[in-house]
Amino acid sequence: MTSRTKNILMLTAVVLLAVLPLILVNGEFGGADDAAEQIIAELHPGYKPWFSSLVEPPPETESMLFALQAAIGAGFIGYAIGWFKGKSVKPNKQ
């Protein structure tokens, strides 16, 4: 199998992994906080939270901050993997 064929197969797999959940999942994506809040409301209707957030950003901002957090984490992990890989490679002696 050539490297071009492998690259095309990997690209197809990535696209499918990104698109299939959007097609197959019915309804809107909800966060874990929303799901927990709904279950608590069902189990204990009179429950009052101990405190509330000081700032309530719009959902778009929350999504953007979550994506930024994921990107920073992925960058850190990629840097660490590259650093360890670079340390393991022996320098060429000339």
PDB file of N, CA and C in Angstrom:
ATOM      1  N   MET A   1       0.845  -1.167   0.000  1.00  0.00           N
ATOM      2  CA  MET A   1       0.000   0.000   0.000  1.00  0.00           C
ATOM      3  C   MET A   1       0.897   1.239   0.000  1.00  0.00           C
ATOM      4  N   THR A   2       0.663   2.146  -0.901  1.00  0.00           N
ATOM      5  CA  THR A   2       1.502   3.337  -1.005  1.00  0.00           C
ATOM      6  C   THR A   2       1.124   4.338   0.079  1.00  0.00           C
ATOM      7  N   SER A   3       2.033   5.271   0.306  1.00  0.00           N
ATOM      8  CA  SER A   3       1.765   6.278   1.338  1.00  0.00           C
ATOM      9  C   SER A   3       0.600   7.185   0.920  1.00  0.00           C
ATOM     10  N   ARG A   4       0.430   7.388  -0.379  1.00  0.00           N
ATOM     11  CA  ARG A   4      -0.692   8.211  -0.834  1.00  0.00           C
ATOM     12  C   ARG A   4      -2.021   7.529  -0.508  1.00  0.00           C
ATOM     13  N   THR A   5      -2.098   6.234  -0.721  1.00  0.00           N
ATOM     14  CA  THR A   5      -3.314   5.481  -0.409  1.00  0.00           C
ATOM     15  C   THR A   5      -3.589   5.518   1.092  1.00  0.00           C
ATOM     16  N   LYS A   6      -2.537   5.360   1.903  1.00  0.00           N
ATOM     17  CA  LYS A   6      -2.708   5.430   3.357  1.00  0.00           C
ATOM     18  C   LYS A   6      -3.220   6.804   3.777  1.00  0.00           C
ATOM     19  N   ASN A   7      -2.660   7.859   3.187  1.00  0.00           N
ATOM     20  CA  ASN A   7      -3.087   9.213   3.525  1.00  0.00           C
ATOM     21  C   ASN A   7      -4.547   9.444   3.163  1.00  0.00           C
ATOM     22  N   ILE A   8      -4.961   8.945   2.020  1.00  0.00           N
ATOM     23  CA  ILE A   8      -6.354   9.109   1.596  1.00  0.00           C
ATOM     24  C   ILE A   8      -7.283   8.342   2.534  1.00  0.00           C
ATOM     25  N   LEU A   9      -6.901   7.140   2.928  1.00  0.00           N
ATOM     26  CA  LEU A   9      -7.719   6.358   3.862  1.00  0.00           C
ATOM     27  C   LEU A   9      -7.818   7.039   5.225  1.00  0.00           C
ATOM     28  N   MET A  10      -6.711   7.578   5.714  1.00  0.00           N
ATOM     29  CA  MET A  10      -6.743   8.271   7.004  1.00  0.00           C
ATOM     30  C   MET A  10      -7.586   9.537   6.932  1.00  0.00           C
ATOM     31  N   LEU A  11      -7.473  10.287   5.854  1.00  0.00           N
ATOM     32  CA  LEU A  11      -8.278  11.493   5.684  1.00  0.00           C
ATOM     33  C   LEU A  11      -9.763  11.147   5.628  1.00  0.00           C
ATOM     34  N   THR A  12     -10.100  10.071   4.921  1.00  0.00           N
ATOM     35  CA  THR A  12     -11.492   9.626   4.851  1.00  0.00           C
ATOM     36  C   THR A  12     -11.996   9.227   6.237  1.00  0.00           C
ATOM     37  N   ALA A  13     -11.183   8.529   7.005  1.00  0.00           N
ATOM     38  CA  ALA A  13     -11.575   8.128   8.357  1.00  0.00           C
ATOM     39  C   ALA A  13     -11.811   9.343   9.244  1.00  0.00           C
ATOM     40  N   VAL A  14     -10.963  10.350   9.152  1.00  0.00           N
ATOM     41  CA  VAL A  14     -11.110  11.559   9.965  1.00  0.00           C
ATOM     42  C   VAL A  14     -12.396  12.297   9.598  1.00  0.00           C
ATOM     43  N   VAL A  15     -12.654  12.419   8.300  1.00  0.00           N
ATOM     44  CA  VAL A  15     -13.870  13.103   7.862  1.00  0.00           C
ATOM     45  C   VAL A  15     -15.106  12.344   8.342  1.00  0.00           C
ATOM     46  N   LEU A  16     -15.093  11.015   8.230  1.00  0.00           N
ATOM     47  CA  LEU A  16     -16.230  10.219   8.695  1.00  0.00           C
ATOM     48  C   LEU A  16     -16.426  10.352  10.203  1.00  0.00           C
ATOM     49  N   LEU A  17     -15.336  10.356  10.961  1.00  0.00           N
ATOM     50  CA  LEU A  17     -15.442  10.520  12.405  1.00  0.00           C
ATOM     51  C   LEU A  17     -16.005  11.889  12.790  1.00  0.00           C
ATOM     52  N   ALA A  18     -15.772  12.882  11.976  1.00  0.00           N
ATOM     53  CA  ALA A  18     -16.292  14.214  12.265  1.00  0.00           C
ATOM     54  C   ALA A  18     -17.742  14.373  11.816  1.00  0.00           C
ATOM     55  N   VAL A  19     -18.121  13.744  10.702  1.00  0.00           N
ATOM     56  CA  VAL A  19     -19.444  13.973  10.115  1.00  0.00           C
ATOM     57  C   VAL A  19     -20.500  12.990  10.623  1.00  0.00           C
ATOM     58  N   LEU A  20     -20.152  11.734  10.799  1.00  0.00           N
ATOM     59  CA  LEU A  20     -21.146  10.731  11.195  1.00  0.00           C
ATOM     60  C   LEU A  20     -21.884  11.055  12.499  1.00  0.00           C
ATOM     61  N   PRO A  21     -21.218  11.499  13.552  1.00  0.00           N
ATOM     62  CA  PRO A  21     -21.979  11.837  14.758  1.00  0.00           C
ATOM     63  C   PRO A  21     -23.005  12.951  14.522  1.00  0.00           C
ATOM     64  N   LEU A  22     -22.669  13.895  13.675  1.00  0.00           N
ATOM     65  CA  LEU A  22     -23.612  14.979  13.390  1.00  0.00           C
ATOM     66  C   LEU A  22     -24.838  14.470  12.640  1.00  0.00           C
ATOM     67  N   ILE A  23     -24.639  13.459  11.800  1.00  0.00           N
ATOM     68  CA  ILE A  23     -25.746  12.907  11.025  1.00  0.00           C
ATOM     69  C   ILE A  23     -26.578  11.940  11.869  1.00  0.00           C
ATOM     70  N   LEU A  24     -25.921  11.097  12.653  1.00  0.00           N
ATOM     71  CA  LEU A  24     -26.600  10.026  13.363  1.00  0.00           C
ATOM     72  C   LEU A  24     -27.267  10.455  14.668  1.00  0.00           C
ATOM     73  N   VAL A  25     -26.795  11.509  15.300  1.00  0.00           N
ATOM     74  CA  VAL A  25     -27.362  11.942  16.576  1.00  0.00           C
ATOM     75  C   VAL A  25     -28.547  12.859  16.304  1.00  0.00           C
ATOM     76  N   ASN A  26     -29.690  12.470  16.851  1.00  0.00           N
ATOM     77  CA  ASN A  26     -30.885  13.300  16.700  1.00  0.00           C
ATOM     78  C   ASN A  26     -30.965  14.283  17.857  1.00  0.00           C
ATOM     79  N   GLY A  27     -31.424  15.473  17.586  1.00  0.00           N
ATOM     80  CA  GLY A  27     -31.553  16.470  18.633  1.00  0.00           C
ATOM     81  C   GLY A  27     -30.296  17.305  18.767  1.00  0.00           C
ATOM     82  N   GLU A  28     -30.298  18.085  19.823  1.00  0.00           N
ATOM     83  CA  GLU A  28     -29.171  18.971  20.051  1.00  0.00           C
ATOM     84  C   GLU A  28     -28.181  18.332  21.006  1.00  0.00           C
ATOM     85  N   PHE A  29     -26.937  18.788  20.901  1.00  0.00           N
ATOM     86  CA  PHE A  29     -25.922  18.320  21.824  1.00  0.00           C
ATOM     87  C   PHE A  29     -26.103  19.088  23.129  1.00  0.00           C
ATOM     88  N   GLY A  30     -26.147  18.374  24.225  1.00  0.00           N
ATOM     89  CA  GLY A  30     -26.254  19.010  25.530  1.00  0.00           C
ATOM     90  C   GLY A  30     -25.032  18.681  26.354  1.00  0.00           C
ATOM     91  N   GLY A  31     -24.704  19.573  27.241  1.00  0.00           N
ATOM     92  CA  GLY A  31     -23.546  19.346  28.078  1.00  0.00           C
ATOM     93  C   GLY A  31     -23.889  18.508  29.299  1.00  0.00           C
ATOM     94  N   ALA A  32     -22.870  18.062  29.993  1.00  0.00           N
ATOM     95  CA  ALA A  32     -23.060  17.257  31.194  1.00  0.00           C
ATOM     96  C   ALA A  32     -23.702  18.086  32.300  1.00  0.00           C
ATOM     97  N   ASP A  33     -23.396  19.379  32.343  1.00  0.00           N
ATOM     98  CA  ASP A  33     -23.998  20.237  33.362  1.00  0.00           C
ATOM     99  C   ASP A  33     -25.509  20.303  33.192  1.00  0.00           C
ATOM    100  N   ASP A  34     -25.967  20.439  31.950  1.00  0.00           N
ATOM    101  CA  ASP A  34     -27.401  20.504  31.692  1.00  0.00           C
ATOM    102  C   ASP A  34     -28.086  19.191  32.044  1.00  0.00           C
ATOM    103  N   ALA A  35     -27.456  18.072  31.712  1.00  0.00           N
ATOM    104  CA  ALA A  35     -28.037  16.764  32.021  1.00  0.00           C
ATOM    105  C   ALA A  35     -28.139  16.567  33.531  1.00  0.00           C
ATOM    106  N   ALA A  36     -27.092  16.938  34.260  1.00  0.00           N
ATOM    107  CA  ALA A  36     -27.107  16.795  35.717  1.00  0.00           C
ATOM    108  C   ALA A  36     -28.182  17.692  36.332  1.00  0.00           C
ATOM    109  N   GLU A  37     -28.314  18.889  35.819  1.00  0.00           N
ATOM    110  CA  GLU A  37     -29.322  19.822  36.331  1.00  0.00           C
ATOM    111  C   GLU A  37     -30.735  19.270  36.130  1.00  0.00           C
ATOM    112  N   GLN A  38     -30.987  18.665  34.990  1.00  0.00           N
ATOM    113  CA  GLN A  38     -32.302  18.083  34.718  1.00  0.00           C
ATOM    114  C   GLN A  38     -32.592  16.907  35.643  1.00  0.00           C
ATOM    115  N   ILE A  39     -31.612  16.050  35.874  1.00  0.00           N
ATOM    116  CA  ILE A  39     -31.823  14.885  36.752  1.00  0.00           C
ATOM    117  C   ILE A  39     -32.052  15.333  38.196  1.00  0.00           C
ATOM    118  N   ILE A  40     -31.289  16.319  38.641  1.00  0.00           N
ATOM    119  CA  ILE A  40     -31.484  16.836  39.999  1.00  0.00           C
ATOM    120  C   ILE A  40     -32.879  17.429  40.132  1.00  0.00           C
ATOM    121  N   ALA A  41     -33.342  18.164  39.126  1.00  0.00           N
ATOM    122  CA  ALA A  41     -34.683  18.749  39.167  1.00  0.00           C
ATOM    123  C   ALA A  41     -35.763  17.668  39.210  1.00  0.00           C
ATOM    124  N   GLU A  42     -35.528  16.546  38.543  1.00  0.00           N
ATOM    125  CA  GLU A  42     -36.501  15.445  38.570  1.00  0.00           C
ATOM    126  C   GLU A  42     -36.514  14.743  39.921  1.00  0.00           C
ATOM    127  N   LEU A  43     -35.317  14.497  40.476  1.00  0.00           N
ATOM    128  CA  LEU A  43     -35.229  13.759  41.733  1.00  0.00           C
ATOM    129  C   LEU A  43     -35.637  14.597  42.953  1.00  0.00           C
ATOM    130  N   HIS A  44     -35.242  15.858  42.968  1.00  0.00           N
ATOM    131  CA  HIS A  44     -35.523  16.755  44.095  1.00  0.00           C
ATOM    132  C   HIS A  44     -36.045  18.082  43.552  1.00  0.00           C
ATOM    133  N   PRO A  45     -37.364  18.163  43.302  1.00  0.00           N
ATOM    134  CA  PRO A  45     -37.918  19.379  42.679  1.00  0.00           C
ATOM    135  C   PRO A  45     -37.694  20.653  43.494  1.00  0.00           C
ATOM    136  N   GLY A  46     -37.585  20.558  44.808  1.00  0.00           N
ATOM    137  CA  GLY A  46     -37.434  21.753  45.633  1.00  0.00           C
ATOM    138  C   GLY A  46     -35.989  22.143  45.893  1.00  0.00           C
ATOM    139  N   TYR A  47     -35.048  21.511  45.216  1.00  0.00           N
ATOM    140  CA  TYR A  47     -33.630  21.771  45.462  1.00  0.00           C
ATOM    141  C   TYR A  47     -33.255  23.191  45.047  1.00  0.00           C
ATOM    142  N   LYS A  48     -32.539  23.882  45.928  1.00  0.00           N
ATOM    143  CA  LYS A  48     -32.031  25.222  45.626  1.00  0.00           C
ATOM    144  C   LYS A  48     -30.505  25.160  45.614  1.00  0.00           C
ATOM    145  N   PRO A  49     -29.855  25.643  44.550  1.00  0.00           N
ATOM    146  CA  PRO A  49     -28.385  25.635  44.510  1.00  0.00           C
ATOM    147  C   PRO A  49     -27.797  26.477  45.634  1.00  0.00           C
ATOM    148  N   TRP A  50     -26.600  26.111  46.089  1.00  0.00           N
ATOM    149  CA  TRP A  50     -25.934  26.841  47.163  1.00  0.00           C
ATOM    150  C   TRP A  50     -25.475  28.213  46.694  1.00  0.00           C
ATOM    151  N   PHE A  51     -25.061  28.293  45.454  1.00  0.00           N
ATOM    152  CA  PHE A  51     -24.585  29.570  44.909  1.00  0.00           C
ATOM    153  C   PHE A  51     -24.808  29.562  43.409  1.00  0.00           C
ATOM    154  N   SER A  52     -24.664  30.719  42.802  1.00  0.00           N
ATOM    155  CA  SER A  52     -24.790  30.824  41.346  1.00  0.00           C
ATOM    156  C   SER A  52     -23.519  31.469  40.796  1.00  0.00           C
ATOM    157  N   SER A  53     -23.312  31.310  39.510  1.00  0.00           N
ATOM    158  CA  SER A  53     -22.120  31.857  38.874  1.00  0.00           C
ATOM    159  C   SER A  53     -22.127  33.381  38.935  1.00  0.00           C
ATOM    160  N   LEU A  54     -20.933  33.955  39.081  1.00  0.00           N
ATOM    161  CA  LEU A  54     -20.826  35.407  39.068  1.00  0.00           C
ATOM    162  C   LEU A  54     -21.062  35.956  37.665  1.00  0.00           C
ATOM    163  N   VAL A  55     -20.539  35.231  36.676  1.00  0.00           N
ATOM    164  CA  VAL A  55     -20.687  35.643  35.285  1.00  0.00           C
ATOM    165  C   VAL A  55     -21.277  34.464  34.510  1.00  0.00           C
ATOM    166  N   GLU A  56     -22.303  34.723  33.743  1.00  0.00           N
ATOM    167  CA  GLU A  56     -22.947  33.672  32.946  1.00  0.00           C
ATOM    168  C   GLU A  56     -22.717  33.996  31.468  1.00  0.00           C
ATOM    169  N   PRO A  57     -21.626  33.458  30.873  1.00  0.00           N
ATOM    170  CA  PRO A  57     -21.353  33.776  29.470  1.00  0.00           C
ATOM    171  C   PRO A  57     -22.368  33.110  28.543  1.00  0.00           C
ATOM    172  N   PRO A  58     -22.563  33.674  27.359  1.00  0.00           N
ATOM    173  CA  PRO A  58     -23.467  33.037  26.398  1.00  0.00           C
ATOM    174  C   PRO A  58     -22.922  31.674  25.973  1.00  0.00           C
ATOM    175  N   PRO A  59     -23.795  30.782  25.484  1.00  0.00           N
ATOM    176  CA  PRO A  59     -23.348  29.433  25.105  1.00  0.00           C
ATOM    177  C   PRO A  59     -22.232  29.428  24.066  1.00  0.00           C
ATOM    178  N   GLU A  60     -22.242  30.397  23.154  1.00  0.00           N
ATOM    179  CA  GLU A  60     -21.191  30.447  22.130  1.00  0.00           C
ATOM    180  C   GLU A  60     -19.834  30.678  22.770  1.00  0.00           C
ATOM    181  N   THR A  61     -19.800  31.522  23.793  1.00  0.00           N
ATOM    182  CA  THR A  61     -18.541  31.809  24.478  1.00  0.00           C
ATOM    183  C   THR A  61     -18.069  30.581  25.245  1.00  0.00           C
ATOM    184  N   GLU A  62     -19.004  29.870  25.871  1.00  0.00           N
ATOM    185  CA  GLU A  62     -18.639  28.643  26.581  1.00  0.00           C
ATOM    186  C   GLU A  62     -18.033  27.629  25.619  1.00  0.00           C
ATOM    187  N   SER A  63     -18.644  27.468  24.459  1.00  0.00           N
ATOM    188  CA  SER A  63     -18.118  26.522  23.466  1.00  0.00           C
ATOM    189  C   SER A  63     -16.739  26.942  22.989  1.00  0.00           C
ATOM    190  N   MET A  64     -16.560  28.243  22.769  1.00  0.00           N
ATOM    191  CA  MET A  64     -15.268  28.744  22.307  1.00  0.00           C
ATOM    192  C   MET A  64     -14.192  28.522  23.356  1.00  0.00           C
ATOM    193  N   LEU A  65     -14.515  28.762  24.631  1.00  0.00           N
ATOM    194  CA  LEU A  65     -13.534  28.550  25.689  1.00  0.00           C
ATOM    195  C   LEU A  65     -13.195  27.068  25.842  1.00  0.00           C
ATOM    196  N   PHE A  66     -14.191  26.196  25.675  1.00  0.00           N
ATOM    197  CA  PHE A  66     -13.930  24.757  25.743  1.00  0.00           C
ATOM    198  C   PHE A  66     -13.025  24.329  24.597  1.00  0.00           C
ATOM    199  N   ALA A  67     -13.283  24.839  23.387  1.00  0.00           N
ATOM    200  CA  ALA A  67     -12.439  24.506  22.234  1.00  0.00           C
ATOM    201  C   ALA A  67     -11.022  25.034  22.433  1.00  0.00           C
ATOM    202  N   LEU A  68     -10.890  26.229  23.001  1.00  0.00           N
ATOM    203  CA  LEU A  68      -9.571  26.795  23.270  1.00  0.00           C
ATOM    204  C   LEU A  68      -8.818  25.934  24.282  1.00  0.00           C
ATOM    205  N   GLN A  69      -9.515  25.491  25.322  1.00  0.00           N
ATOM    206  CA  GLN A  69      -8.902  24.622  26.317  1.00  0.00           C
ATOM    207  C   GLN A  69      -8.425  23.316  25.680  1.00  0.00           C
ATOM    208  N   ALA A  70      -9.240  22.737  24.806  1.00  0.00           N
ATOM    209  CA  ALA A  70      -8.856  21.496  24.127  1.00  0.00           C
ATOM    210  C   ALA A  70      -7.652  21.727  23.216  1.00  0.00           C
ATOM    211  N   ALA A  71      -7.615  22.857  22.513  1.00  0.00           N
ATOM    212  CA  ALA A  71      -6.497  23.152  21.616  1.00  0.00           C
ATOM    213  C   ALA A  71      -5.195  23.346  22.395  1.00  0.00           C
ATOM    214  N   ILE A  72      -5.267  24.025  23.523  1.00  0.00           N
ATOM    215  CA  ILE A  72      -4.067  24.221  24.338  1.00  0.00           C
ATOM    216  C   ILE A  72      -3.569  22.879  24.872  1.00  0.00           C
ATOM    217  N   GLY A  73      -4.487  22.040  25.325  1.00  0.00           N
ATOM    218  CA  GLY A  73      -4.107  20.715  25.813  1.00  0.00           C
ATOM    219  C   GLY A  73      -3.486  19.867  24.723  1.00  0.00           C
ATOM    220  N   ALA A  74      -4.076  19.898  23.524  1.00  0.00           N
ATOM    221  CA  ALA A  74      -3.530  19.127  22.409  1.00  0.00           C
ATOM    222  C   ALA A  74      -2.145  19.655  22.016  1.00  0.00           C
ATOM    223  N   GLY A  75      -1.966  20.971  22.042  1.00  0.00           N
ATOM    224  CA  GLY A  75      -0.658  21.550  21.738  1.00  0.00           C
ATOM    225  C   GLY A  75       0.389  21.125  22.752  1.00  0.00           C
ATOM    226  N   PHE A  76       0.021  21.119  24.017  1.00  0.00           N
ATOM    227  CA  PHE A  76       0.941  20.698  25.069  1.00  0.00           C
ATOM    228  C   PHE A  76       1.329  19.234  24.900  1.00  0.00           C
ATOM    229  N   ILE A  77       0.345  18.377  24.641  1.00  0.00           N
ATOM    230  CA  ILE A  77       0.626  16.951  24.463  1.00  0.00           C
ATOM    231  C   ILE A  77       1.496  16.736  23.225  1.00  0.00           C
ATOM    232  N   GLY A  78       1.184  17.423  22.127  1.00  0.00           N
ATOM    233  CA  GLY A  78       1.996  17.294  20.914  1.00  0.00           C
ATOM    234  C   GLY A  78       3.420  17.761  21.124  1.00  0.00           C
ATOM    235  N   TYR A  79       3.581  18.863  21.859  1.00  0.00           N
ATOM    236  CA  TYR A  79       4.924  19.363  22.147  1.00  0.00           C
ATOM    237  C   TYR A  79       5.697  18.352  22.982  1.00  0.00           C
ATOM    238  N   ALA A  80       5.044  17.782  24.008  1.00  0.00           N
ATOM    239  CA  ALA A  80       5.716  16.818  24.880  1.00  0.00           C
ATOM    240  C   ALA A  80       6.123  15.572  24.106  1.00  0.00           C
ATOM    241  N   ILE A  81       5.244  15.074  23.255  1.00  0.00           N
ATOM    242  CA  ILE A  81       5.579  13.896  22.451  1.00  0.00           C
ATOM    243  C   ILE A  81       6.761  14.208  21.530  1.00  0.00           C
ATOM    244  N   GLY A  82       6.736  15.362  20.876  1.00  0.00           N
ATOM    245  CA  GLY A  82       7.847  15.757  20.009  1.00  0.00           C
ATOM    246  C   GLY A  82       9.148  15.932  20.770  1.00  0.00           C
ATOM    247  N   TRP A  83       9.062  16.483  21.975  1.00  0.00           N
ATOM    248  CA  TRP A  83      10.261  16.689  22.781  1.00  0.00           C
ATOM    249  C   TRP A  83      10.879  15.357  23.172  1.00  0.00           C
ATOM    250  N   PHE A  84      10.039  14.415  23.631  1.00  0.00           N
ATOM    251  CA  PHE A  84      10.564  13.093  23.997  1.00  0.00           C
ATOM    252  C   PHE A  84      11.095  12.352  22.776  1.00  0.00           C
ATOM    253  N   LYS A  85      10.425  12.481  21.646  1.00  0.00           N
ATOM    254  CA  LYS A  85      10.900  11.842  20.421  1.00  0.00           C
ATOM    255  C   LYS A  85      12.244  12.437  20.005  1.00  0.00           C
ATOM    256  N   GLY A  86      12.367  13.757  20.105  1.00  0.00           N
ATOM    257  CA  GLY A  86      13.636  14.414  19.773  1.00  0.00           C
ATOM    258  C   GLY A  86      14.762  14.017  20.692  1.00  0.00           C
ATOM    259  N   LYS A  87      14.473  13.796  21.967  1.00  0.00           N
ATOM    260  CA  LYS A  87      15.505  13.356  22.900  1.00  0.00           C
ATOM    261  C   LYS A  87      15.967  11.937  22.610  1.00  0.00           C
ATOM    262  N   SER A  88      15.072  11.115  22.085  1.00  0.00           N
ATOM    263  CA  SER A  88      15.430   9.714  21.850  1.00  0.00           C
ATOM    264  C   SER A  88      16.231   9.519  20.561  1.00  0.00           C
ATOM    265  N   VAL A  89      16.184  10.486  19.648  1.00  0.00           N
ATOM    266  CA  VAL A  89      16.920  10.369  18.389  1.00  0.00           C
ATOM    267  C   VAL A  89      18.376  10.742  18.652  1.00  0.00           C
ATOM    268  N   LYS A  90      19.287   9.872  18.219  1.00  0.00           N
ATOM    269  CA  LYS A  90      20.709  10.130  18.421  1.00  0.00           C
ATOM    270  C   LYS A  90      21.190  11.114  17.362  1.00  0.00           C
ATOM    271  N   PRO A  91      22.000  12.083  17.743  1.00  0.00           N
ATOM    272  CA  PRO A  91      22.517  13.022  16.741  1.00  0.00           C
ATOM    273  C   PRO A  91      23.501  12.340  15.801  1.00  0.00           C
ATOM    274  N   ASN A  92      23.534  12.819  14.571  1.00  0.00           N
ATOM    275  CA  ASN A  92      24.470  12.253  13.570  1.00  0.00           C
ATOM    276  C   ASN A  92      25.891  12.670  13.903  1.00  0.00           C
ATOM    277  N   LYS A  93      26.797  11.713  13.912  1.00  0.00           N
ATOM    278  CA  LYS A  93      28.211  12.021  14.150  1.00  0.00           C
ATOM    279  C   LYS A  93      28.898  12.204  12.811  1.00  0.00           C
ATOM    280  N   GLN A  94      29.587  13.303  12.667  1.00  0.00           N
ATOM    281  CA  GLN A  94      30.270  13.573  11.391  1.00  0.00           C
ATOM    282  C   GLN A  94      31.730  13.808  11.598  1.00  0.00           C
TER     283      GLN A  94
END
